[in-house]
Amino acid sequence: MRCKAASLKSRYTMIIPLSELPPDTLRAIVEAYINREGTDYGEHEWALEDKCEHVIGQLKDGRVLLVYDEESESVNLLTREEYAQLPGQG
């Protein structure tokens, strides 16, 4: 799961705690991300439900962060490493 380098700027101003979101809202955000990014899971095709559970698992264990983008007033998913490399973060 990777975001395009051009979008990795210091505009991500807040990590959104998962505990602040209702489960259906989190699920909708993850589904939108999967559909937008066209995530690649290798040789085998995964059902949307399986992809969502995989991404939500990464969010819950902290490998992926849900971040607010002040510039576009939207949320995005970044790996912890991607977030740490942003100017003014880490």
C-alpha atoms as a PDB file:
ATOM      1  CA  MET A   1       0.000   0.000   0.000  1.00  0.00           C
ATOM      2  CA  ARG A   2       1.755   3.163  -1.172  1.00  0.00           C
ATOM      3  CA  CYS A   3       0.713   6.714  -1.905  1.00  0.00           C
ATOM      4  CA  LYS A   4       2.111   8.687  -4.793  1.00  0.00           C
ATOM      5  CA  ALA A   5       5.224  10.679  -3.876  1.00  0.00           C
ATOM      6  CA  ALA A   6       3.667  13.941  -5.084  1.00  0.00           C
ATOM      7  CA  SER A   7       0.999  13.680  -2.398  1.00  0.00           C
ATOM      8  CA  LEU A   8       3.541  13.187   0.389  1.00  0.00           C
ATOM      9  CA  LYS A   9       3.897  16.716   1.682  1.00  0.00           C
ATOM     10  CA  SER A  10       3.625  18.196   5.121  1.00  0.00           C
ATOM     11  CA  ARG A  11      -0.041  19.015   4.591  1.00  0.00           C
ATOM     12  CA  TYR A  12      -1.108  15.989   6.659  1.00  0.00           C
ATOM     13  CA  THR A  13      -1.823  17.751   9.916  1.00  0.00           C
ATOM     14  CA  MET A  14      -3.465  15.135  12.101  1.00  0.00           C
ATOM     15  CA  ILE A  15      -3.460  11.417  12.680  1.00  0.00           C
ATOM     16  CA  ILE A  16      -7.068  10.382  13.211  1.00  0.00           C
ATOM     17  CA  PRO A  17      -7.454   7.888  16.060  1.00  0.00           C
ATOM     18  CA  LEU A  18      -9.484   4.871  14.963  1.00  0.00           C
ATOM     19  CA  SER A  19     -11.391   5.026  18.233  1.00  0.00           C
ATOM     20  CA  GLU A  20     -12.885   8.337  17.066  1.00  0.00           C
ATOM     21  CA  LEU A  21     -14.637   6.756  14.075  1.00  0.00           C
ATOM     22  CA  PRO A  22     -17.749   4.604  13.974  1.00  0.00           C
ATOM     23  CA  PRO A  23     -16.961   1.211  12.370  1.00  0.00           C
ATOM     24  CA  ASP A  24     -19.128   1.929   9.317  1.00  0.00           C
ATOM     25  CA  THR A  25     -17.279   5.211   8.688  1.00  0.00           C
ATOM     26  CA  LEU A  26     -13.897   3.495   8.934  1.00  0.00           C
ATOM     27  CA  ARG A  27     -15.108   0.783   6.562  1.00  0.00           C
ATOM     28  CA  ALA A  28     -16.299   3.411   4.029  1.00  0.00           C
ATOM     29  CA  ILE A  29     -12.927   5.209   4.172  1.00  0.00           C
ATOM     30  CA  VAL A  30     -11.033   1.954   3.649  1.00  0.00           C
ATOM     31  CA  GLU A  31     -13.290   0.896   0.754  1.00  0.00           C
ATOM     32  CA  ALA A  32     -12.828   4.292  -0.922  1.00  0.00           C
ATOM     33  CA  TYR A  33      -9.052   3.987  -0.522  1.00  0.00           C
ATOM     34  CA  ILE A  34      -9.007   0.476  -1.979  1.00  0.00           C
ATOM     35  CA  ASN A  35     -11.142   1.504  -4.945  1.00  0.00           C
ATOM     36  CA  ARG A  36      -9.120   4.678  -5.534  1.00  0.00           C
ATOM     37  CA  GLU A  37      -5.675   3.127  -5.217  1.00  0.00           C
ATOM     38  CA  GLY A  38      -6.404  -0.153  -6.991  1.00  0.00           C
ATOM     39  CA  THR A  39      -4.365  -2.050  -4.405  1.00  0.00           C
ATOM     40  CA  ASP A  40      -2.433  -5.007  -5.810  1.00  0.00           C
ATOM     41  CA  TYR A  41      -2.392  -8.224  -3.810  1.00  0.00           C
ATOM     42  CA  GLY A  42      -0.257 -10.291  -6.174  1.00  0.00           C
ATOM     43  CA  GLU A  43      -1.242 -13.324  -8.215  1.00  0.00           C
ATOM     44  CA  HIS A  44      -4.496 -14.010  -6.420  1.00  0.00           C
ATOM     45  CA  GLU A  45      -7.503 -11.710  -6.580  1.00  0.00           C
ATOM     46  CA  TRP A  46      -8.960 -10.813  -3.170  1.00  0.00           C
ATOM     47  CA  ALA A  47     -12.605 -10.037  -2.494  1.00  0.00           C
ATOM     48  CA  LEU A  48     -13.330  -6.481  -1.344  1.00  0.00           C
ATOM     49  CA  GLU A  49     -14.251  -7.790   2.120  1.00  0.00           C
ATOM     50  CA  ASP A  50     -10.861  -9.512   2.443  1.00  0.00           C
ATOM     51  CA  LYS A  51      -9.002  -6.403   1.271  1.00  0.00           C
ATOM     52  CA  CYS A  52     -10.898  -4.245   3.766  1.00  0.00           C
ATOM     53  CA  GLU A  53     -10.136  -6.607   6.640  1.00  0.00           C
ATOM     54  CA  HIS A  54      -6.456  -6.641   5.648  1.00  0.00           C
ATOM     55  CA  VAL A  55      -6.206  -2.836   5.563  1.00  0.00           C
ATOM     56  CA  ILE A  56      -8.210  -2.418   8.771  1.00  0.00           C
ATOM     57  CA  GLY A  57      -5.854  -4.901  10.436  1.00  0.00           C
ATOM     58  CA  GLN A  58      -2.887  -2.776   9.352  1.00  0.00           C
ATOM     59  CA  LEU A  59      -4.611   0.312  10.766  1.00  0.00           C
ATOM     60  CA  LYS A  60      -5.360  -1.414  14.070  1.00  0.00           C
ATOM     61  CA  ASP A  61      -1.801  -2.670  14.538  1.00  0.00           C
ATOM     62  CA  GLY A  62      -0.335   0.744  13.660  1.00  0.00           C
ATOM     63  CA  ARG A  63       1.491  -0.122  10.435  1.00  0.00           C
ATOM     64  CA  VAL A  64      -0.857   2.203   8.530  1.00  0.00           C
ATOM     65  CA  LEU A  65      -2.165   5.568   9.751  1.00  0.00           C
ATOM     66  CA  LEU A  66      -5.351   7.421   8.917  1.00  0.00           C
ATOM     67  CA  VAL A  67      -4.331  11.041   8.368  1.00  0.00           C
ATOM     68  CA  TYR A  68      -6.222  14.252   7.721  1.00  0.00           C
ATOM     69  CA  ASP A  69      -5.117  16.336   4.749  1.00  0.00           C
ATOM     70  CA  GLU A  70      -5.810  19.967   5.568  1.00  0.00           C
ATOM     71  CA  GLU A  71      -5.232  21.140   1.986  1.00  0.00           C
ATOM     72  CA  SER A  72      -7.963  18.966   0.448  1.00  0.00           C
ATOM     73  CA  GLU A  73     -10.003  18.563   3.649  1.00  0.00           C
ATOM     74  CA  SER A  74      -9.917  14.797   3.202  1.00  0.00           C
ATOM     75  CA  VAL A  75      -8.387  11.714   4.773  1.00  0.00           C
ATOM     76  CA  ASN A  76      -5.781   9.348   3.398  1.00  0.00           C
ATOM     77  CA  LEU A  77      -3.916   6.240   4.472  1.00  0.00           C
ATOM     78  CA  LEU A  78      -0.139   6.341   4.869  1.00  0.00           C
ATOM     79  CA  THR A  79       2.244   3.745   6.183  1.00  0.00           C
ATOM     80  CA  ARG A  80       3.945   4.731   9.413  1.00  0.00           C
ATOM     81  CA  GLU A  81       7.207   4.980   7.440  1.00  0.00           C
ATOM     82  CA  GLU A  82       5.675   7.290   4.826  1.00  0.00           C
ATOM     83  CA  TYR A  83       4.296   9.545   7.543  1.00  0.00           C
ATOM     84  CA  ALA A  84       7.641   9.664   9.377  1.00  0.00           C
ATOM     85  CA  GLN A  85       9.378  10.797   6.175  1.00  0.00           C
ATOM     86  CA  LEU A  86       7.089  13.779   5.662  1.00  0.00           C
ATOM     87  CA  PRO A  87       8.689  17.174   6.254  1.00  0.00           C
ATOM     88  CA  GLY A  88       7.814  18.414   9.710  1.00  0.00           C
ATOM     89  CA  GLN A  89       6.525  15.042  10.893  1.00  0.00           C
ATOM     90  CA  GLY A  90       8.365  11.991  12.301  1.00  0.00           C
END
